[in-house]
Amino acid sequence: MKVFVYDLNKCNGCHNCQIVCKDEHCDNDWSPIAKPQPDTGHFWCKVDEEVCGKTPLVRVNYLSHHCNHCDNAPCMKAAPDAIYKREDGLVIIDPEKAAGNKDIVKACPYGEIYWNEELKLAQKCTGCAHLLDDGWAVPRCVDACCTGALRFGDEEDFAEELKNAEVLRPESGCAPRVYYLNKPKRFVAATVVDLDADEVVIDATAMLQRVSDETVVATMQTDEMGDVFIENVEPDNYYLWIQKEGYVTRRIPADTREKDVAIPELQFSTEPVKA
């Protein structure tokens, strides 16, 4: 059985995978695997960009996604006579048998199935099954990935890596076949400044403490720019403590349950900072 493996650490957001998907499927009829993809509106392969934090304390994450070719695919249950799973694991919508059935689009919990209004047909990523049948080793999106972020192959070949992999929305029970490595966690960042001295504060100790049990989960020093970046933080409620001899210790709420925390100008003073 084949799987897709996507390493977020290696993706640079070039969108090559998204572009070649269009190139392969727009205006091309690959029946009986797929009818042509429309020029606009469909993204059988798409790269999402997420900007986290506040300028200048920013991180940009990229996430490539397409059909998950699930083992327990809801679309197959919605149209068992029109959708099938190949021996290699790819889920295919039969373009003839699925014609006119818009319920197939609604069945996908990931939103990866699109409706072709002109053809009255539900469509999605096919894993470039037509190319694999013609001798290609990998789909076009994988072939175009210049950083090696997106890979495709036999599940057993990725066995060790998959021990640390995640899938999207595991609670759906769909058993997806697209695996993600190095999905970023939250971060807490700050630029510590002494406004009275009109300079940043170097070598201040930044300590991240979980509110619920007072456990200190990370400790580090501000750098030569006064910055501190605490990464790989689990979503939770924290306090960020800033300490340095000669300064008044500060405790700042840092709740990462919904998003990353970035404080571009965290005031630090030899006198108490007014709220």
Protein backbone atom coordinates (compact mmCIF):
# COMPACT_ATOMS: atom_id res chain seq x y z
CA MET A 1 0.00 0.00 0.00
CA LYS A 2 1.26 3.43 -0.96
CA VAL A 3 1.38 6.47 1.31
CA PHE A 4 2.27 10.15 1.04
CA VAL A 5 4.74 11.53 3.60
CA TYR A 6 5.06 15.29 4.05
CA ASP A 7 7.86 16.85 6.14
CA LEU A 8 6.91 20.38 7.18
CA ASN A 9 10.51 21.17 8.13
CA LYS A 10 11.57 20.83 4.50
CA CYS A 11 8.77 22.76 2.79
CA ASN A 12 9.78 26.26 1.61
CA GLY A 13 6.38 27.24 0.22
CA CYS A 14 7.42 27.20 -3.44
CA HIS A 15 3.98 25.86 -4.50
CA ASN A 16 5.55 23.64 -7.17
CA CYS A 17 3.30 20.76 -6.15
CA GLN A 18 0.21 22.91 -6.52
CA ILE A 19 1.30 24.27 -9.90
CA VAL A 20 2.16 20.93 -11.51
CA CYS A 21 -1.14 19.47 -10.33
CA LYS A 22 -2.86 22.13 -12.43
CA ASP A 23 -0.49 21.46 -15.32
CA GLU A 24 -1.24 17.74 -15.24
CA HIS A 25 -5.00 17.87 -14.87
CA CYS A 26 -6.35 21.11 -16.38
CA ASP A 27 -7.66 20.52 -19.92
CA ASN A 28 -6.43 16.91 -19.80
CA ASP A 29 -8.84 13.98 -19.86
CA TRP A 30 -7.34 11.01 -18.04
CA SER A 31 -10.42 8.79 -18.22
CA PRO A 32 -11.23 6.38 -16.74
CA ILE A 33 -9.25 7.85 -13.83
CA ALA A 34 -10.34 11.49 -14.07
CA LYS A 35 -11.98 14.05 -16.30
CA PRO A 36 -10.27 17.46 -16.80
CA GLN A 37 -9.84 19.72 -13.79
CA PRO A 38 -11.25 23.26 -14.22
CA ASP A 39 -8.75 26.08 -14.66
CA THR A 40 -10.02 27.83 -11.53
CA GLY A 41 -11.77 26.91 -8.30
CA HIS A 42 -10.24 23.47 -7.84
CA PHE A 43 -7.09 22.71 -5.82
CA TRP A 44 -6.54 18.97 -5.91
CA CYS A 45 -3.17 19.79 -4.34
CA LYS A 46 -2.85 22.97 -2.32
CA VAL A 47 -0.23 24.65 -0.13
CA ASP A 48 -1.61 26.71 2.76
CA GLU A 49 0.49 29.41 4.39
CA GLU A 50 0.12 30.25 8.08
CA VAL A 51 1.79 33.38 9.47
CA CYS A 52 2.25 33.06 13.25
CA GLY A 53 3.17 35.70 15.82
CA LYS A 54 3.60 39.44 15.38
CA THR A 55 6.20 41.40 13.43
CA PRO A 56 9.14 41.05 13.88
CA LEU A 57 8.59 37.88 15.93
CA VAL A 58 7.13 35.82 13.12
CA ARG A 59 7.24 32.25 11.88
CA VAL A 60 5.68 31.08 8.60
CA ASN A 61 4.40 27.51 8.31
CA TYR A 62 3.46 25.76 5.07
CA LEU A 63 1.08 22.83 4.79
CA SER A 64 0.57 20.89 1.58
CA HIS A 65 -2.64 18.90 1.45
CA HIS A 66 -4.85 16.93 -0.92
CA CYS A 67 -7.06 13.85 -0.78
CA ASN A 68 -5.95 11.63 2.10
CA HIS A 69 -6.85 8.41 0.23
CA CYS A 70 -8.37 7.15 3.46
CA ASP A 71 -8.69 3.47 4.34
CA ASN A 72 -12.07 4.27 5.87
CA ALA A 73 -13.13 6.87 3.31
CA PRO A 74 -16.53 8.50 3.92
CA CYS A 75 -16.81 9.31 0.21
CA MET A 76 -16.75 5.59 -0.59
CA LYS A 77 -19.59 5.00 1.84
CA ALA A 78 -21.56 7.86 0.26
CA ALA A 79 -21.17 6.39 -3.24
CA PRO A 80 -19.99 2.77 -3.03
CA ASP A 81 -20.82 2.09 -6.68
CA ALA A 82 -18.91 5.14 -7.93
CA ILE A 83 -15.80 5.32 -5.73
CA TYR A 84 -13.26 2.57 -5.24
CA LYS A 85 -9.91 1.95 -3.59
CA ARG A 86 -7.13 0.50 -5.74
CA GLU A 87 -4.73 -2.19 -4.60
CA ASP A 88 -2.04 0.49 -4.22
CA GLY A 89 -4.31 2.40 -1.79
CA LEU A 90 -5.39 5.29 -4.03
CA VAL A 91 -9.06 6.25 -3.82
CA ILE A 92 -10.59 7.00 -7.22
CA ILE A 93 -13.89 8.64 -8.14
CA ASP A 94 -15.15 6.95 -11.32
CA PRO A 95 -16.01 9.92 -13.56
CA GLU A 96 -18.79 8.04 -15.34
CA LYS A 97 -20.52 6.39 -12.39
CA ALA A 98 -20.20 9.46 -10.13
CA ALA A 99 -21.73 11.93 -12.61
CA GLY A 100 -24.43 14.10 -11.05
CA ASN A 101 -23.81 12.96 -7.44
CA LYS A 102 -23.04 16.11 -5.48
CA ASP A 103 -23.39 14.30 -2.14
CA ILE A 104 -19.87 12.96 -2.69
CA VAL A 105 -18.50 16.48 -2.10
CA LYS A 106 -20.32 16.77 1.24
CA ALA A 107 -19.05 13.41 2.43
CA CYS A 108 -15.39 14.45 2.73
CA PRO A 109 -14.61 15.80 6.24
CA TYR A 110 -11.39 17.34 4.91
CA GLY A 111 -13.02 19.42 2.18
CA GLU A 112 -10.75 17.87 -0.45
CA ILE A 113 -13.47 16.98 -2.98
CA TYR A 114 -14.60 19.66 -5.44
CA TRP A 115 -17.68 20.04 -7.61
CA ASN A 116 -17.15 20.58 -11.33
CA GLU A 117 -20.22 22.58 -12.31
CA GLU A 118 -19.63 22.21 -16.02
CA LEU A 119 -19.27 18.43 -15.91
CA LYS A 120 -21.66 17.96 -12.94
CA LEU A 121 -18.99 15.83 -11.34
CA ALA A 122 -17.24 15.48 -7.98
CA GLN A 123 -13.46 15.54 -8.44
CA LYS A 124 -10.29 15.30 -6.36
CA CYS A 125 -6.65 14.22 -6.30
CA THR A 126 -6.15 10.84 -7.94
CA GLY A 127 -2.55 10.40 -6.82
CA CYS A 128 -1.81 10.67 -10.55
CA ALA A 129 -2.93 7.06 -10.85
CA HIS A 130 -2.83 7.35 -14.64
CA LEU A 131 0.89 8.14 -14.48
CA LEU A 132 1.63 5.33 -12.03
CA ASP A 133 -0.13 2.94 -14.39
CA ASP A 134 2.10 4.27 -17.17
CA GLY A 135 5.28 3.48 -15.25
CA TRP A 136 5.90 6.63 -13.22
CA ALA A 137 7.31 5.98 -9.75
CA VAL A 138 5.61 8.96 -8.07
CA PRO A 139 2.79 11.46 -8.73
CA ARG A 140 3.58 14.82 -10.38
CA CYS A 141 3.41 16.75 -7.08
CA VAL A 142 6.08 14.55 -5.53
CA ASP A 143 8.24 14.63 -8.65
CA ALA A 144 8.17 18.46 -8.60
CA CYS A 145 9.07 18.87 -4.91
CA CYS A 146 12.55 20.43 -4.97
CA THR A 147 13.25 20.06 -1.24
CA GLY A 148 12.13 16.48 -0.67
CA ALA A 149 9.34 17.64 1.61
CA LEU A 150 6.73 15.55 -0.22
CA ARG A 151 7.39 11.86 -0.81
CA PHE A 152 5.39 8.84 -1.98
CA GLY A 153 6.04 5.15 -1.72
CA ASP A 154 5.36 1.85 -0.01
CA GLU A 155 4.30 2.20 3.60
CA GLU A 156 6.91 -0.27 4.84
CA ASP A 157 9.68 1.87 3.38
CA PHE A 158 8.67 4.71 5.71
CA ALA A 159 8.03 2.51 8.75
CA GLU A 160 10.57 4.14 11.08
CA GLU A 161 9.56 7.69 10.18
CA LEU A 162 5.87 6.96 10.51
CA LYS A 163 6.35 6.13 14.18
CA ASN A 164 6.66 9.89 14.75
CA ALA A 165 4.17 10.98 12.09
CA GLU A 166 0.77 12.60 12.47
CA VAL A 167 -2.34 12.65 10.33
CA LEU A 168 -4.87 15.43 9.86
CA ARG A 169 -8.00 15.17 12.01
CA PRO A 170 -7.40 11.66 13.39
CA GLU A 171 -10.66 11.97 15.36
CA SER A 172 -12.56 11.64 12.07
CA GLY A 173 -11.87 7.91 12.04
CA CYS A 174 -11.08 8.04 8.31
CA ALA A 175 -7.66 6.36 8.62
CA PRO A 176 -5.92 8.77 6.20
CA ARG A 177 -2.91 7.68 4.17
CA VAL A 178 -1.15 11.07 4.10
CA TYR A 179 1.33 11.38 6.96
CA TYR A 180 2.91 14.56 8.33
CA LEU A 181 6.32 14.86 9.95
CA ASN A 182 7.53 17.74 12.14
CA LYS A 183 4.23 19.57 12.43
CA PRO A 184 5.16 22.72 14.37
CA LYS A 185 3.88 23.26 17.88
CA ARG A 186 3.30 26.67 19.46
CA PHE A 187 5.97 29.23 20.32
CA VAL A 188 6.33 32.00 22.88
CA ALA A 189 8.53 34.91 21.81
CA ALA A 190 9.39 38.37 23.09
CA THR A 191 11.75 41.27 22.51
CA VAL A 192 12.80 42.54 25.92
CA VAL A 193 13.50 46.29 25.99
CA ASP A 194 14.59 48.86 28.57
CA LEU A 195 12.77 51.98 27.38
CA ASP A 196 14.49 54.20 29.98
CA ALA A 197 17.90 53.24 28.57
CA ASP A 198 16.51 53.09 25.01
CA GLU A 199 18.08 49.68 24.36
CA VAL A 200 17.29 46.01 24.30
CA VAL A 201 18.10 43.80 27.28
CA ILE A 202 20.70 41.13 26.57
CA ASP A 203 21.17 37.94 28.64
CA ALA A 204 17.96 38.30 30.60
CA THR A 205 16.58 34.93 31.74
CA ALA A 206 13.26 33.97 30.19
CA MET A 207 11.40 31.14 31.91
CA LEU A 208 8.17 29.55 30.70
CA GLN A 209 6.04 28.11 33.50
CA ARG A 210 2.84 26.11 33.10
CA VAL A 211 0.05 27.70 35.15
CA SER A 212 -1.76 24.48 36.14
CA ASP A 213 1.10 22.79 38.00
CA GLU A 214 3.81 25.50 38.05
CA THR A 215 6.20 23.30 36.07
CA VAL A 216 8.96 25.20 34.29
CA VAL A 217 8.97 23.82 30.73
CA ALA A 218 11.74 25.98 29.23
CA THR A 219 14.48 28.40 30.27
CA MET A 220 16.70 30.46 27.97
CA GLN A 221 18.50 33.80 27.66
CA THR A 222 17.65 36.78 25.48
CA ASP A 223 20.07 37.13 22.57
CA GLU A 224 22.07 40.12 21.30
CA MET A 225 18.86 41.60 19.87
CA GLY A 226 16.98 41.20 23.14
CA ASP A 227 14.92 38.40 21.62
CA VAL A 228 13.82 35.13 23.12
CA PHE A 229 12.12 32.42 21.06
CA ILE A 230 10.79 29.42 22.98
CA GLU A 231 9.65 26.87 20.38
CA ASN A 232 7.94 23.46 20.41
CA VAL A 233 5.57 24.59 23.14
CA GLU A 234 2.52 22.42 23.80
CA PRO A 235 -0.82 24.28 23.66
CA ASP A 236 -1.49 25.27 27.29
CA ASN A 237 -1.72 28.23 29.64
CA TYR A 238 1.67 29.60 30.79
CA TYR A 239 3.43 32.46 32.52
CA LEU A 240 6.51 33.96 30.90
CA TRP A 241 8.95 35.16 33.58
CA ILE A 242 11.69 37.66 32.70
CA GLN A 243 14.53 38.11 35.19
CA LYS A 244 17.89 39.88 35.34
CA GLU A 245 19.96 41.31 38.18
CA GLY A 246 19.21 45.00 38.61
CA TYR A 247 15.76 44.73 37.01
CA VAL A 248 12.32 44.13 38.45
CA THR A 249 11.17 40.58 37.64
CA ARG A 250 8.17 40.45 35.33
CA ARG A 251 5.52 37.77 34.93
CA ILE A 252 3.44 37.91 31.73
CA PRO A 253 0.48 35.66 30.82
CA ALA A 254 1.26 33.47 27.80
CA ASP A 255 -1.73 31.39 26.72
CA THR A 256 -0.86 29.19 23.73
CA ARG A 257 -4.06 27.13 23.67
CA GLU A 258 -5.41 28.97 20.62
CA LYS A 259 -2.35 30.56 19.01
CA ASP A 260 1.31 31.46 19.40
CA VAL A 261 2.31 34.26 21.76
CA ALA A 262 4.56 37.07 20.52
CA ILE A 263 5.34 40.28 22.44
CA PRO A 264 7.33 42.61 20.15
CA GLU A 265 8.12 45.13 22.91
CA LEU A 266 8.19 43.63 26.39
CA GLN A 267 9.11 46.46 28.77
CA PHE A 268 11.72 45.68 31.41
CA SER A 269 12.74 48.22 33.99
CA THR A 270 14.69 48.86 37.15
CA GLU A 271 11.40 50.26 38.46
CA PRO A 272 8.02 48.46 38.51
CA VAL A 273 6.26 48.69 35.14
CA LYS A 274 2.85 50.30 35.32
CA ALA A 275 0.03 48.06 34.08
